Each structure stands twice: as C-alpha cells, then as structure tokens.
Full PDB file with SEQRES, HELIX, SHEET, SSBOND, CRYST1, ORIGX, SCALE, CONECT and MASTER records, all heavy atoms in Angstrom:
SEQRES   1 A   35  SER LEU ALA GLU GLN THR MET ILE LEU GLY ALA ALA ALA          
SEQRES   2 A   35  VAL GLY ALA LEU ALA TYR THR PHE SER ASP SER PHE TRP          
SEQRES   3 A   35  PHE SER ALA VAL GLU GLY GLU VAL TYR                          
HELIX    1 AA1 LEU A    2  THR A   20  1                                  19    
HELIX    2 AA2 ASP A   23  ALA A   29  1                                   7    
CRYST1    1.000    1.000    1.000  90.00  90.00  90.00 P 1           1          
ORIGX1      1.000000  0.000000  0.000000        0.00000                         
ORIGX2      0.000000  1.000000  0.000000        0.00000                         
ORIGX3      0.000000  0.000000  1.000000        0.00000                         
SCALE1      1.000000  0.000000  0.000000        0.00000                         
SCALE2      0.000000  1.000000  0.000000        0.00000                         
SCALE3      0.000000  0.000000  1.000000        0.00000                         
ATOM      1  N   SER A   1       6.281  15.321 -26.145  1.00  0.00           N  
ATOM      2  CA  SER A   1       6.976  14.760 -27.300  1.00  0.00           C  
ATOM      3  C   SER A   1       6.662  13.271 -27.375  1.00  0.00           C  
ATOM      4  O   SER A   1       6.120  12.680 -26.437  1.00  0.00           O  
ATOM      5  CB  SER A   1       8.481  14.971 -27.169  1.00  0.00           C  
ATOM      6  OG  SER A   1       9.000  14.213 -26.084  1.00  0.00           O  
ATOM      7  N   LEU A   2       7.006  12.633 -28.483  1.00  0.00           N  
ATOM      8  CA  LEU A   2       6.760  11.208 -28.648  1.00  0.00           C  
ATOM      9  C   LEU A   2       7.501  10.402 -27.591  1.00  0.00           C  
ATOM     10  O   LEU A   2       6.968   9.429 -27.037  1.00  0.00           O  
ATOM     11  CB  LEU A   2       7.185  10.756 -30.050  1.00  0.00           C  
ATOM     12  CG  LEU A   2       6.999   9.267 -30.360  1.00  0.00           C  
ATOM     13  CD1 LEU A   2       5.528   8.868 -30.221  1.00  0.00           C  
ATOM     14  CD2 LEU A   2       7.518   8.939 -31.758  1.00  0.00           C  
ATOM     15  N   ALA A   3       8.739  10.807 -27.302  1.00  0.00           N  
ATOM     16  CA  ALA A   3       9.530  10.094 -26.293  1.00  0.00           C  
ATOM     17  C   ALA A   3       8.886  10.215 -24.916  1.00  0.00           C  
ATOM     18  O   ALA A   3       8.840   9.237 -24.146  1.00  0.00           O  
ATOM     19  CB  ALA A   3      10.953  10.652 -26.263  1.00  0.00           C  
ATOM     20  N   GLU A   4       8.358  11.390 -24.595  1.00  0.00           N  
ATOM     21  CA  GLU A   4       7.713  11.592 -23.296  1.00  0.00           C  
ATOM     22  C   GLU A   4       6.412  10.800 -23.195  1.00  0.00           C  
ATOM     23  O   GLU A   4       6.102  10.234 -22.145  1.00  0.00           O  
ATOM     24  CB  GLU A   4       7.452  13.079 -23.076  1.00  0.00           C  
ATOM     25  CG  GLU A   4       8.724  13.893 -22.844  1.00  0.00           C  
ATOM     26  CD  GLU A   4       8.470  15.389 -22.855  1.00  0.00           C  
ATOM     27  OE1 GLU A   4       7.505  15.834 -23.516  1.00  0.00           O  
ATOM     28  OE2 GLU A   4       9.248  16.121 -22.209  1.00  0.00           O  
ATOM     29  N   GLN A   5       5.657  10.749 -24.290  1.00  0.00           N  
ATOM     30  CA  GLN A   5       4.436   9.952 -24.290  1.00  0.00           C  
ATOM     31  C   GLN A   5       4.749   8.473 -24.066  1.00  0.00           C  
ATOM     32  O   GLN A   5       4.088   7.791 -23.274  1.00  0.00           O  
ATOM     33  CB  GLN A   5       3.697  10.132 -25.617  1.00  0.00           C  
ATOM     34  CG  GLN A   5       3.145  11.526 -25.835  1.00  0.00           C  
ATOM     35  CD  GLN A   5       2.380  11.627 -27.142  1.00  0.00           C  
ATOM     36  OE1 GLN A   5       1.640  10.714 -27.507  1.00  0.00           O  
ATOM     37  NE2 GLN A   5       2.553  12.735 -27.858  1.00  0.00           N  
ATOM     38  N   THR A   6       5.770   7.988 -24.759  1.00  0.00           N  
ATOM     39  CA  THR A   6       6.171   6.586 -24.613  1.00  0.00           C  
ATOM     40  C   THR A   6       6.618   6.292 -23.190  1.00  0.00           C  
ATOM     41  O   THR A   6       6.273   5.248 -22.612  1.00  0.00           O  
ATOM     42  CB  THR A   6       7.308   6.259 -25.598  1.00  0.00           C  
ATOM     43  OG1 THR A   6       6.886   6.559 -26.936  1.00  0.00           O  
ATOM     44  CG2 THR A   6       7.701   4.792 -25.503  1.00  0.00           C  
ATOM     45  N   MET A   7       7.377   7.219 -22.626  1.00  0.00           N  
ATOM     46  CA  MET A   7       7.875   7.037 -21.264  1.00  0.00           C  
ATOM     47  C   MET A   7       6.725   6.991 -20.255  1.00  0.00           C  
ATOM     48  O   MET A   7       6.689   6.112 -19.373  1.00  0.00           O  
ATOM     49  CB  MET A   7       8.822   8.193 -20.914  1.00  0.00           C  
ATOM     50  CG  MET A   7       9.379   8.148 -19.496  1.00  0.00           C  
ATOM     51  SD  MET A   7      10.578   9.468 -19.210  1.00  0.00           S  
ATOM     52  CE  MET A   7       9.551  10.918 -19.487  1.00  0.00           C  
ATOM     53  N   ILE A   8       5.761   7.899 -20.389  1.00  0.00           N  
ATOM     54  CA  ILE A   8       4.640   7.962 -19.448  1.00  0.00           C  
ATOM     55  C   ILE A   8       3.763   6.725 -19.557  1.00  0.00           C  
ATOM     56  O   ILE A   8       3.431   6.074 -18.552  1.00  0.00           O  
ATOM     57  CB  ILE A   8       3.809   9.238 -19.690  1.00  0.00           C  
ATOM     58  CG1 ILE A   8       4.621  10.475 -19.303  1.00  0.00           C  
ATOM     59  CG2 ILE A   8       2.503   9.187 -18.906  1.00  0.00           C  
ATOM     60  CD1 ILE A   8       3.935  11.791 -19.651  1.00  0.00           C  
ATOM     61  N   LEU A   9       3.391   6.380 -20.794  1.00  0.00           N  
ATOM     62  CA  LEU A   9       2.522   5.220 -20.986  1.00  0.00           C  
ATOM     63  C   LEU A   9       3.230   3.914 -20.613  1.00  0.00           C  
ATOM     64  O   LEU A   9       2.612   2.987 -20.079  1.00  0.00           O  
ATOM     65  CB  LEU A   9       2.028   5.175 -22.431  1.00  0.00           C  
ATOM     66  CG  LEU A   9       1.132   6.345 -22.857  1.00  0.00           C  
ATOM     67  CD1 LEU A   9       0.800   6.258 -24.342  1.00  0.00           C  
ATOM     68  CD2 LEU A   9      -0.136   6.386 -22.023  1.00  0.00           C  
ATOM     69  N   GLY A  10       4.525   3.853 -20.880  1.00  0.00           N  
ATOM     70  CA  GLY A  10       5.292   2.667 -20.491  1.00  0.00           C  
ATOM     71  C   GLY A  10       5.358   2.516 -18.982  1.00  0.00           C  
ATOM     72  O   GLY A  10       5.204   1.419 -18.442  1.00  0.00           O  
ATOM     73  N   ALA A  11       5.570   3.648 -18.283  1.00  0.00           N  
ATOM     74  CA  ALA A  11       5.621   3.614 -16.816  1.00  0.00           C  
ATOM     75  C   ALA A  11       4.279   3.187 -16.231  1.00  0.00           C  
ATOM     76  O   ALA A  11       4.228   2.378 -15.293  1.00  0.00           O  
ATOM     77  CB  ALA A  11       6.023   4.988 -16.286  1.00  0.00           C  
ATOM     78  N   ALA A  12       3.197   3.709 -16.812  1.00  0.00           N  
ATOM     79  CA  ALA A  12       1.860   3.349 -16.325  1.00  0.00           C  
ATOM     80  C   ALA A  12       1.577   1.872 -16.556  1.00  0.00           C  
ATOM     81  O   ALA A  12       1.007   1.191 -15.689  1.00  0.00           O  
ATOM     82  CB  ALA A  12       0.810   4.214 -17.011  1.00  0.00           C  
ATOM     83  N   ALA A  13       1.973   1.358 -17.721  1.00  0.00           N  
ATOM     84  CA  ALA A  13       1.743  -0.053 -18.033  1.00  0.00           C  
ATOM     85  C   ALA A  13       2.555  -0.959 -17.110  1.00  0.00           C  
ATOM     86  O   ALA A  13       2.038  -1.962 -16.587  1.00  0.00           O  
ATOM     87  CB  ALA A  13       2.084  -0.329 -19.494  1.00  0.00           C  
ATOM     88  N   VAL A  14       3.817  -0.615 -16.901  1.00  0.00           N  
ATOM     89  CA  VAL A  14       4.673  -1.426 -16.023  1.00  0.00           C  
ATOM     90  C   VAL A  14       4.130  -1.412 -14.596  1.00  0.00           C  
ATOM     91  O   VAL A  14       4.039  -2.457 -13.932  1.00  0.00           O  
ATOM     92  CB  VAL A  14       6.118  -0.917 -16.058  1.00  0.00           C  
ATOM     93  CG1 VAL A  14       6.943  -1.575 -14.958  1.00  0.00           C  
ATOM     94  CG2 VAL A  14       6.754  -1.190 -17.416  1.00  0.00           C  
ATOM     95  N   GLY A  15       3.757  -0.222 -14.100  1.00  0.00           N  
ATOM     96  CA  GLY A  15       3.232  -0.124 -12.741  1.00  0.00           C  
ATOM     97  C   GLY A  15       1.942  -0.898 -12.563  1.00  0.00           C  
ATOM     98  O   GLY A  15       1.783  -1.646 -11.581  1.00  0.00           O  
ATOM     99  N   ALA A  16       1.013  -0.745 -13.514  1.00  0.00           N  
ATOM    100  CA  ALA A  16      -0.276  -1.426 -13.405  1.00  0.00           C  
ATOM    101  C   ALA A  16      -0.123  -2.935 -13.520  1.00  0.00           C  
ATOM    102  O   ALA A  16      -0.746  -3.692 -12.765  1.00  0.00           O  
ATOM    103  CB  ALA A  16      -1.233  -0.899 -14.472  1.00  0.00           C  
ATOM    104  N   LEU A  17       0.716  -3.392 -14.452  1.00  0.00           N  
ATOM    105  CA  LEU A  17       0.896  -4.833 -14.635  1.00  0.00           C  
ATOM    106  C   LEU A  17       1.684  -5.456 -13.480  1.00  0.00           C  
ATOM    107  O   LEU A  17       1.459  -6.621 -13.121  1.00  0.00           O  
ATOM    108  CB  LEU A  17       1.595  -5.116 -15.969  1.00  0.00           C  
ATOM    109  CG  LEU A  17       0.734  -4.874 -17.210  1.00  0.00           C  
ATOM    110  CD1 LEU A  17       1.574  -5.017 -18.481  1.00  0.00           C  
ATOM    111  CD2 LEU A  17      -0.451  -5.832 -17.249  1.00  0.00           C  
ATOM    112  N   ALA A  18       2.608  -4.690 -12.911  1.00  0.00           N  
ATOM    113  CA  ALA A  18       3.336  -5.197 -11.735  1.00  0.00           C  
ATOM    114  C   ALA A  18       2.365  -5.456 -10.589  1.00  0.00           C  
ATOM    115  O   ALA A  18       2.460  -6.466  -9.880  1.00  0.00           O  
ATOM    116  CB  ALA A  18       4.413  -4.200 -11.316  1.00  0.00           C  
ATOM    117  N   TYR A  19       1.402  -4.549 -10.420  1.00  0.00           N  
ATOM    118  CA  TYR A  19       0.401  -4.738  -9.369  1.00  0.00           C  
ATOM    119  C   TYR A  19      -0.565  -5.862  -9.732  1.00  0.00           C  
ATOM    120  O   TYR A  19      -1.043  -6.580  -8.851  1.00  0.00           O  
ATOM    121  CB  TYR A  19      -0.355  -3.428  -9.155  1.00  0.00           C  
ATOM    122  CG  TYR A  19      -1.161  -3.405  -7.874  1.00  0.00           C  
ATOM    123  CD1 TYR A  19      -0.577  -3.732  -6.655  1.00  0.00           C  
ATOM    124  CD2 TYR A  19      -2.505  -3.044  -7.877  1.00  0.00           C  
ATOM    125  CE1 TYR A  19      -1.301  -3.711  -5.482  1.00  0.00           C  
ATOM    126  CE2 TYR A  19      -3.240  -3.015  -6.705  1.00  0.00           C  
ATOM    127  CZ  TYR A  19      -2.639  -3.348  -5.514  1.00  0.00           C  
ATOM    128  OH  TYR A  19      -3.361  -3.336  -4.346  1.00  0.00           O  
ATOM    129  N   THR A  20      -0.838  -6.016 -11.023  1.00  0.00           N  
ATOM    130  CA  THR A  20      -1.719  -7.092 -11.486  1.00  0.00           C  
ATOM    131  C   THR A  20      -1.229  -8.449 -11.002  1.00  0.00           C  
ATOM    132  O   THR A  20      -2.014  -9.286 -10.534  1.00  0.00           O  
ATOM    133  CB  THR A  20      -1.796  -7.104 -13.027  1.00  0.00           C  
ATOM    134  OG1 THR A  20      -2.340  -5.867 -13.493  1.00  0.00           O  
ATOM    135  CG2 THR A  20      -2.664  -8.256 -13.520  1.00  0.00           C  
ATOM    136  N   PHE A  21       0.079  -8.669 -11.117  1.00  0.00           N  
ATOM    137  CA  PHE A  21       0.644  -9.980 -10.800  1.00  0.00           C  
ATOM    138  C   PHE A  21       1.294 -10.023  -9.414  1.00  0.00           C  
ATOM    139  O   PHE A  21       2.011 -10.975  -9.111  1.00  0.00           O  
ATOM    140  CB  PHE A  21       1.655 -10.377 -11.875  1.00  0.00           C  
ATOM    141  CG  PHE A  21       1.031 -10.550 -13.234  1.00  0.00           C  
ATOM    142  CD1 PHE A  21       1.144  -9.568 -14.197  1.00  0.00           C  
ATOM    143  CD2 PHE A  21       0.308 -11.694 -13.539  1.00  0.00           C  
ATOM    144  CE1 PHE A  21       0.563  -9.716 -15.451  1.00  0.00           C  
ATOM    145  CE2 PHE A  21      -0.278 -11.857 -14.787  1.00  0.00           C  
ATOM    146  CZ  PHE A  21      -0.156 -10.862 -15.749  1.00  0.00           C  
ATOM    147  N   SER A  22       1.034  -9.013  -8.591  1.00  0.00           N  
ATOM    148  CA  SER A  22       1.560  -9.048  -7.228  1.00  0.00           C  
ATOM    149  C   SER A  22       0.818 -10.108  -6.421  1.00  0.00           C  
ATOM    150  O   SER A  22      -0.370 -10.377  -6.644  1.00  0.00           O  
ATOM    151  CB  SER A  22       1.435  -7.676  -6.558  1.00  0.00           C  
ATOM    152  OG  SER A  22       0.083  -7.282  -6.459  1.00  0.00           O  
ATOM    153  N   ASP A  23       1.496 -10.691  -5.468  1.00  0.00           N  
ATOM    154  CA  ASP A  23       0.996 -11.870  -4.767  1.00  0.00           C  
ATOM    155  C   ASP A  23      -0.329 -11.612  -4.037  1.00  0.00           C  
ATOM    156  O   ASP A  23      -1.331 -12.283  -4.278  1.00  0.00           O  
ATOM    157  CB  ASP A  23       2.064 -12.350  -3.777  1.00  0.00           C  
ATOM    158  CG  ASP A  23       1.685 -13.659  -3.107  1.00  0.00           C  
ATOM    159  OD1 ASP A  23       1.695 -14.690  -3.793  1.00  0.00           O  
ATOM    160  OD2 ASP A  23       1.367 -13.633  -1.916  1.00  0.00           O  
ATOM    161  N   SER A  24      -0.352 -10.638  -3.141  1.00  0.00           N  
ATOM    162  CA  SER A  24      -1.532 -10.400  -2.310  1.00  0.00           C  
ATOM    163  C   SER A  24      -2.735  -9.968  -3.136  1.00  0.00           C  
ATOM    164  O   SER A  24      -3.861 -10.431  -2.916  1.00  0.00           O  
ATOM    165  CB  SER A  24      -1.228  -9.334  -1.246  1.00  0.00           C  
ATOM    166  OG  SER A  24      -0.240  -9.793  -0.362  1.00  0.00           O  
ATOM    167  N   PHE A  25      -2.510  -9.079  -4.120  1.00  0.00           N  
ATOM    168  CA  PHE A  25      -3.627  -8.586  -4.911  1.00  0.00           C  
ATOM    169  C   PHE A  25      -4.220  -9.686  -5.784  1.00  0.00           C  
ATOM    170  O   PHE A  25      -5.447  -9.784  -5.933  1.00  0.00           O  
ATOM    171  CB  PHE A  25      -3.168  -7.405  -5.780  1.00  0.00           C  
ATOM    172  CG  PHE A  25      -4.305  -6.700  -6.465  1.00  0.00           C  
ATOM    173  CD1 PHE A  25      -5.149  -5.863  -5.751  1.00  0.00           C  
ATOM    174  CD2 PHE A  25      -4.543  -6.879  -7.821  1.00  0.00           C  
ATOM    175  CE1 PHE A  25      -6.213  -5.224  -6.369  1.00  0.00           C  
ATOM    176  CE2 PHE A  25      -5.605  -6.246  -8.448  1.00  0.00           C  
ATOM    177  CZ  PHE A  25      -6.437  -5.420  -7.718  1.00  0.00           C  
ATOM    178  N   TRP A  26      -3.358 -10.511  -6.357  1.00  0.00           N  
ATOM    179  CA  TRP A  26      -3.836 -11.621  -7.190  1.00  0.00           C  
ATOM    180  C   TRP A  26      -4.673 -12.594  -6.360  1.00  0.00           C  
ATOM    181  O   TRP A  26      -5.711 -13.096  -6.804  1.00  0.00           O  
ATOM    182  CB  TRP A  26      -2.643 -12.330  -7.835  1.00  0.00           C  
ATOM    183  CG  TRP A  26      -2.983 -13.235  -8.986  1.00  0.00           C  
ATOM    184  CD1 TRP A  26      -4.223 -13.687  -9.352  1.00  0.00           C  
ATOM    185  CD2 TRP A  26      -2.060 -13.810  -9.927  1.00  0.00           C  
ATOM    186  NE1 TRP A  26      -4.142 -14.509 -10.448  1.00  0.00           N  
ATOM    187  CE2 TRP A  26      -2.825 -14.605 -10.829  1.00  0.00           C  
ATOM    188  CE3 TRP A  26      -0.681 -13.737 -10.090  1.00  0.00           C  
ATOM    189  CZ2 TRP A  26      -2.239 -15.315 -11.873  1.00  0.00           C  
ATOM    190  CZ3 TRP A  26      -0.085 -14.440 -11.135  1.00  0.00           C  
ATOM    191  CH2 TRP A  26      -0.860 -15.212 -12.017  1.00  0.00           C  
ATOM    192  N   PHE A  27      -4.224 -12.847  -5.128  1.00  0.00           N  
ATOM    193  CA  PHE A  27      -4.975 -13.754  -4.266  1.00  0.00           C  
ATOM    194  C   PHE A  27      -6.385 -13.226  -4.017  1.00  0.00           C  
ATOM    195  O   PHE A  27      -7.364 -13.978  -4.095  1.00  0.00           O  
ATOM    196  CB  PHE A  27      -4.251 -13.938  -2.926  1.00  0.00           C  
ATOM    197  CG  PHE A  27      -3.471 -15.217  -2.833  1.00  0.00           C  
ATOM    198  CD1 PHE A  27      -2.177 -15.293  -3.313  1.00  0.00           C  
ATOM    199  CD2 PHE A  27      -4.046 -16.349  -2.274  1.00  0.00           C  
ATOM    200  CE1 PHE A  27      -1.450 -16.480  -3.243  1.00  0.00           C  
ATOM    201  CE2 PHE A  27      -3.332 -17.536  -2.191  1.00  0.00           C  
ATOM    202  CZ  PHE A  27      -2.032 -17.602  -2.682  1.00  0.00           C  
ATOM    203  N   SER A  28      -6.525 -11.941  -3.704  1.00  0.00           N  
ATOM    204  CA  SER A  28      -7.848 -11.381  -3.409  1.00  0.00           C  
ATOM    205  C   SER A  28      -8.704 -11.250  -4.661  1.00  0.00           C  
ATOM    206  O   SER A  28      -9.934 -11.152  -4.572  1.00  0.00           O  
ATOM    207  CB  SER A  28      -7.694 -10.009  -2.736  1.00  0.00           C  
ATOM    208  OG  SER A  28      -7.172  -9.053  -3.639  1.00  0.00           O  
ATOM    209  N   ALA A  29      -8.064 -11.247  -5.833  1.00  0.00           N  
ATOM    210  CA  ALA A  29      -8.788 -11.063  -7.091  1.00  0.00           C  
ATOM    211  C   ALA A  29      -9.512 -12.320  -7.558  1.00  0.00           C  
ATOM    212  O   ALA A  29     -10.357 -12.245  -8.443  1.00  0.00           O  
ATOM    213  CB  ALA A  29      -7.821 -10.605  -8.184  1.00  0.00           C  
ATOM    214  N   VAL A  30      -9.200 -13.460  -6.982  1.00  0.00           N  
ATOM    215  CA  VAL A  30      -9.745 -14.716  -7.510  1.00  0.00           C  
ATOM    216  C   VAL A  30     -10.676 -15.409  -6.527  1.00  0.00           C  
ATOM    217  O   VAL A  30     -11.033 -16.569  -6.725  1.00  0.00           O  
ATOM    218  CB  VAL A  30      -8.603 -15.679  -7.915  1.00  0.00           C  
ATOM    219  CG1 VAL A  30      -7.783 -15.087  -9.041  1.00  0.00           C  
ATOM    220  CG2 VAL A  30      -7.710 -16.008  -6.716  1.00  0.00           C  
ATOM    221  N   GLU A  31     -11.093 -14.710  -5.462  1.00  0.00           N  
ATOM    222  CA  GLU A  31     -11.974 -15.337  -4.477  1.00  0.00           C  
ATOM    223  C   GLU A  31     -13.050 -14.357  -4.016  1.00  0.00           C  
ATOM    224  O   GLU A  31     -12.919 -13.142  -4.186  1.00  0.00           O  
ATOM    225  CB  GLU A  31     -11.160 -15.832  -3.275  1.00  0.00           C  
ATOM    226  CG  GLU A  31     -10.414 -14.735  -2.533  1.00  0.00           C  
ATOM    227  CD  GLU A  31      -9.556 -15.276  -1.401  1.00  0.00           C  
ATOM    228  OE1 GLU A  31      -9.343 -16.501  -1.359  1.00  0.00           O  
ATOM    229  OE2 GLU A  31      -9.121 -14.469  -0.572  1.00  0.00           O  
ATOM    230  N   GLY A  32     -14.118 -14.895  -3.437  1.00  0.00           N  
ATOM    231  CA  GLY A  32     -15.270 -14.081  -3.046  1.00  0.00           C  
ATOM    232  C   GLY A  32     -15.094 -13.416  -1.701  1.00  0.00           C  
ATOM    233  O   GLY A  32     -15.781 -13.752  -0.724  1.00  0.00           O  
ATOM    234  N   GLU A  33     -14.172 -12.468  -1.629  1.00  0.00           N  
ATOM    235  CA  GLU A  33     -13.939 -11.681  -0.418  1.00  0.00           C  
ATOM    236  C   GLU A  33     -14.152 -10.199  -0.726  1.00  0.00           C  
ATOM    237  O   GLU A  33     -14.273  -9.803  -1.886  1.00  0.00           O  
ATOM    238  CB  GLU A  33     -12.520 -11.921   0.111  1.00  0.00           C  
ATOM    239  CG  GLU A  33     -12.473 -12.666   1.448  1.00  0.00           C  
ATOM    240  CD  GLU A  33     -12.816 -11.782   2.634  1.00  0.00           C  
ATOM    241  OE1 GLU A  33     -13.217 -10.625   2.431  1.00  0.00           O  
ATOM    242  OE2 GLU A  33     -12.674 -12.260   3.777  1.00  0.00           O  
ATOM    243  N   VAL A  34     -14.166  -9.374   0.334  1.00  0.00           N  
ATOM    244  CA  VAL A  34     -14.496  -7.954   0.171  1.00  0.00           C  
ATOM    245  C   VAL A  34     -13.336  -7.117  -0.365  1.00  0.00           C  
ATOM    246  O   VAL A  34     -13.544  -5.996  -0.831  1.00  0.00           O  
ATOM    247  CB  VAL A  34     -14.968  -7.345   1.511  1.00  0.00           C  
ATOM    248  CG1 VAL A  34     -16.241  -8.006   1.978  1.00  0.00           C  
ATOM    249  CG2 VAL A  34     -13.864  -7.462   2.575  1.00  0.00           C  
ATOM    250  N   TYR A  35     -12.122  -7.625  -0.332  1.00  0.00           N  
ATOM    251  CA  TYR A  35     -10.952  -6.794  -0.612  1.00  0.00           C  
ATOM    252  C   TYR A  35     -10.846  -6.367  -2.069  1.00  0.00           C  
ATOM    253  O   TYR A  35     -10.374  -5.275  -2.373  1.00  0.00           O  
ATOM    254  CB  TYR A  35      -9.681  -7.520  -0.159  1.00  0.00           C  
ATOM    255  CG  TYR A  35      -9.715  -7.871   1.302  1.00  0.00           C  
ATOM    256  CD1 TYR A  35      -9.785  -9.196   1.715  1.00  0.00           C  
ATOM    257  CD2 TYR A  35      -9.721  -6.870   2.272  1.00  0.00           C  
ATOM    258  CE1 TYR A  35      -9.854  -9.518   3.067  1.00  0.00           C  
ATOM    259  CE2 TYR A  35      -9.786  -7.183   3.616  1.00  0.00           C  
ATOM    260  CZ  TYR A  35      -9.849  -8.510   4.013  1.00  0.00           C  
ATOM    261  OH  TYR A  35      -9.929  -8.811   5.348  1.00  0.00           O  
TER     262      TYR A  35                                                      
MASTER        0    0    0    2    0    0    0    6  261    1    0    3          
END                                                                             
C-alpha cells in the first residue's frame, strides 16, 4: 500500500543517512585509507 511504501522507503532513508553522518564512517570517508 502507499503507507507501507512510505514507511519502507522512509526507514531506508533514515537508516542510510544516519550511517552517512555517523562519526567513525564519516572520518574514514574523507581520507585515503582502506576502510
């Protein structure tokens, strides 16, 4: 249903963006390391 689609896509966006701005991952994303 439309509500279920919104819920799934919203959860995926929140989860992915939360990891985007997480401290450790952001640090490794901006420097020339293997991680």
